[in-house]
């Protein structure tokens, strides 16, 4: 039994290493670098996005960008029950970025993500879930920003 599992593991490692796998969001293979990065808006989410984009600061990409980013987080009631109490909420994250390259060409783009979720009776659990959800949305937007910068 152990030999079969060991053989399967070795075969799996052999095929994964031989398939040419490379991470998508690796700064080593990127064709751009970020010279300057400035934020406004929600500071907590901006720190998350900055952490993801920080790998691309000063990297050896052929395209160099200066980014200005504005981030907004909005929480609203999506639906109510028959008594008028909130049943579901919606968290929306919008990020407007302005990119400037070495030739002073400016491009603007907006990124938007939202999630609906059910209300919880325990408010501390609800707040923890909201924080985790907003963090996940910020990470998804930072990945979309990286893909956008690679495509310019």
Protein backbone atom coordinates (compact mmCIF):
# COMPACT_ATOMS: atom_id res chain seq x y z
CA UNK A 1 0.00 0.00 0.00
CA UNK A 2 2.79 2.41 0.92
CA UNK A 3 4.76 1.47 -2.21
CA UNK A 4 1.75 2.22 -4.43
CA UNK A 5 1.25 5.63 -2.83
CA UNK A 6 4.96 6.41 -3.09
CA UNK A 7 5.02 5.45 -6.76
CA UNK A 8 1.93 7.58 -7.43
CA UNK A 9 3.50 10.52 -5.65
CA UNK A 10 6.77 10.20 -7.58
CA UNK A 11 4.91 9.95 -10.89
CA UNK A 12 2.81 12.99 -10.02
CA UNK A 13 5.93 15.01 -9.12
CA UNK A 14 7.62 13.87 -12.33
CA UNK A 15 4.70 14.99 -14.51
CA UNK A 16 4.25 18.31 -12.71
CA UNK A 17 7.93 19.20 -12.96
CA UNK A 18 8.07 18.20 -16.63
CA UNK A 19 4.99 20.08 -17.78
CA UNK A 20 6.59 23.53 -17.87
CA UNK A 21 4.54 24.89 -15.00
CA UNK A 22 5.32 28.45 -14.03
CA UNK A 23 3.34 30.67 -11.68
CA UNK A 24 1.14 33.28 -13.36
CA UNK A 25 1.75 36.03 -10.82
CA UNK A 26 5.52 35.72 -10.62
CA UNK A 27 7.49 38.96 -10.84
CA UNK A 28 10.40 37.05 -12.42
CA UNK A 29 8.49 36.48 -15.66
CA UNK A 30 6.69 39.81 -15.84
CA UNK A 31 7.19 42.28 -18.66
CA UNK A 32 6.48 45.33 -16.49
CA UNK A 33 7.64 47.02 -13.34
CA UNK A 34 6.06 49.58 -11.06
CA UNK A 35 8.11 52.69 -10.33
CA UNK A 36 5.64 54.61 -8.23
CA UNK A 37 2.48 53.50 -6.45
CA UNK A 38 0.10 55.80 -4.62
CA UNK A 39 -3.20 54.99 -2.92
CA UNK A 40 -6.29 56.75 -1.66
CA UNK A 41 -9.51 55.43 -0.20
CA UNK A 42 -9.86 52.39 2.06
CA UNK A 43 -6.47 52.00 3.76
CA UNK A 44 -6.95 48.40 4.93
CA UNK A 45 -7.72 47.13 1.44
CA UNK A 46 -5.02 49.32 -0.09
CA UNK A 47 -2.45 47.58 2.13
CA UNK A 48 -3.58 44.20 0.79
CA UNK A 49 -3.35 45.37 -2.83
CA UNK A 50 0.00 47.05 -2.14
CA UNK A 51 1.33 43.79 -0.71
CA UNK A 52 0.49 41.98 -3.95
CA UNK A 53 1.85 44.72 -6.23
CA UNK A 54 4.96 45.30 -4.12
CA UNK A 55 6.68 42.33 -5.82
CA UNK A 56 6.65 44.29 -9.08
CA UNK A 57 8.29 47.43 -7.69
CA UNK A 58 11.75 47.86 -9.12
CA UNK A 59 11.64 44.58 -11.06
CA UNK A 60 13.41 44.34 -14.41
CA UNK A 61 10.40 44.66 -16.70
CA UNK A 62 10.59 46.39 -20.07
CA UNK A 63 7.51 48.51 -19.36
CA UNK A 64 7.60 50.85 -16.38
CA UNK A 65 4.45 52.29 -14.85
CA UNK A 66 3.40 54.78 -12.21
CA UNK A 67 0.09 53.85 -10.63
CA UNK A 68 -2.47 55.92 -8.77
CA UNK A 69 -5.19 53.86 -7.16
CA UNK A 70 -8.44 54.79 -5.49
CA UNK A 71 -10.32 52.07 -3.62
CA UNK A 72 -13.90 52.11 -2.33
CA UNK A 73 -15.65 49.52 -0.17
CA UNK A 74 -19.43 49.55 0.07
CA UNK A 75 -21.64 47.35 2.24
CA UNK A 76 -25.38 47.41 1.63
CA UNK A 77 -28.46 45.38 2.40
CA UNK A 78 -29.32 43.22 -0.61
CA UNK A 79 -32.63 41.85 0.69
CA UNK A 80 -34.84 41.93 3.77
CA UNK A 81 -37.16 39.40 5.37
CA UNK A 82 -40.90 39.98 5.96
CA UNK A 83 -40.20 41.81 9.25
CA UNK A 84 -37.83 44.24 7.55
CA UNK A 85 -34.65 42.77 9.04
CA UNK A 86 -31.63 42.33 6.76
CA UNK A 87 -31.57 38.86 5.20
CA UNK A 88 -28.62 39.21 2.81
CA UNK A 89 -25.87 41.78 2.44
CA UNK A 90 -23.73 42.81 -0.51
CA UNK A 91 -20.09 43.89 -0.24
CA UNK A 92 -18.78 45.76 -3.27
CA UNK A 93 -15.19 46.74 -3.90
CA UNK A 94 -14.34 49.20 -6.65
CA UNK A 95 -10.83 50.21 -7.55
CA UNK A 96 -10.03 52.94 -10.06
CA UNK A 97 -6.47 52.95 -11.32
CA UNK A 98 -4.62 55.44 -13.43
CA UNK A 99 -1.46 54.17 -15.13
CA UNK A 100 1.24 56.42 -16.55
CA UNK A 101 4.07 54.98 -18.61
CA UNK A 102 7.48 56.47 -19.47
CA UNK A 103 6.00 58.37 -22.44
CA UNK A 104 3.44 60.01 -20.09
CA UNK A 105 0.57 58.12 -21.69
CA UNK A 106 -2.20 57.89 -19.11
CA UNK A 107 -4.74 55.06 -19.09
CA UNK A 108 -7.57 54.69 -16.63
CA UNK A 109 -9.43 51.54 -15.73
CA UNK A 110 -11.93 50.49 -13.09
CA UNK A 111 -12.13 47.10 -11.43
CA UNK A 112 -15.26 45.98 -9.62
CA UNK A 113 -16.05 42.92 -7.53
CA UNK A 114 -19.04 42.19 -5.32
CA UNK A 115 -20.32 39.32 -3.20
CA UNK A 116 -23.72 38.61 -1.65
CA UNK A 117 -23.86 36.75 1.65
CA UNK A 118 -26.45 35.80 4.25
CA UNK A 119 -26.90 37.56 7.56
CA UNK A 120 -25.68 35.79 10.68
CA UNK A 121 -27.18 35.86 14.18
CA UNK A 122 -23.73 36.21 15.76
CA UNK A 123 -22.55 39.74 14.89
CA UNK A 124 -18.89 39.08 15.66
CA UNK A 125 -18.97 36.11 13.28
CA UNK A 126 -20.65 38.35 10.68
CA UNK A 127 -17.95 41.00 11.04
CA UNK A 128 -15.19 38.39 10.76
CA UNK A 129 -16.82 37.01 7.60
CA UNK A 130 -17.11 40.52 6.13
CA UNK A 131 -13.43 41.21 6.81
CA UNK A 132 -12.38 37.93 5.19
CA UNK A 133 -14.65 38.54 2.20
CA UNK A 134 -13.33 42.06 1.64
CA UNK A 135 -9.76 40.74 1.88
CA UNK A 136 -10.53 38.10 -0.77
CA UNK A 137 -12.08 40.72 -3.04
CA UNK A 138 -8.98 42.92 -2.70
CA UNK A 139 -6.74 39.98 -3.61
CA UNK A 140 -8.85 39.20 -6.69
CA UNK A 141 -8.72 42.82 -7.81
CA UNK A 142 -4.94 42.92 -7.35
CA UNK A 143 -4.65 39.82 -9.56
CA UNK A 144 -6.80 41.50 -12.20
CA UNK A 145 -4.60 44.61 -12.01
CA UNK A 146 -1.49 42.48 -12.59
CA UNK A 147 -3.10 40.82 -15.60
CA UNK A 148 -4.15 44.23 -16.93
CA UNK A 149 -0.62 45.65 -16.55
CA UNK A 150 0.85 42.64 -18.34
CA UNK A 151 -1.54 43.16 -21.25
CA UNK A 152 -0.80 46.87 -21.81
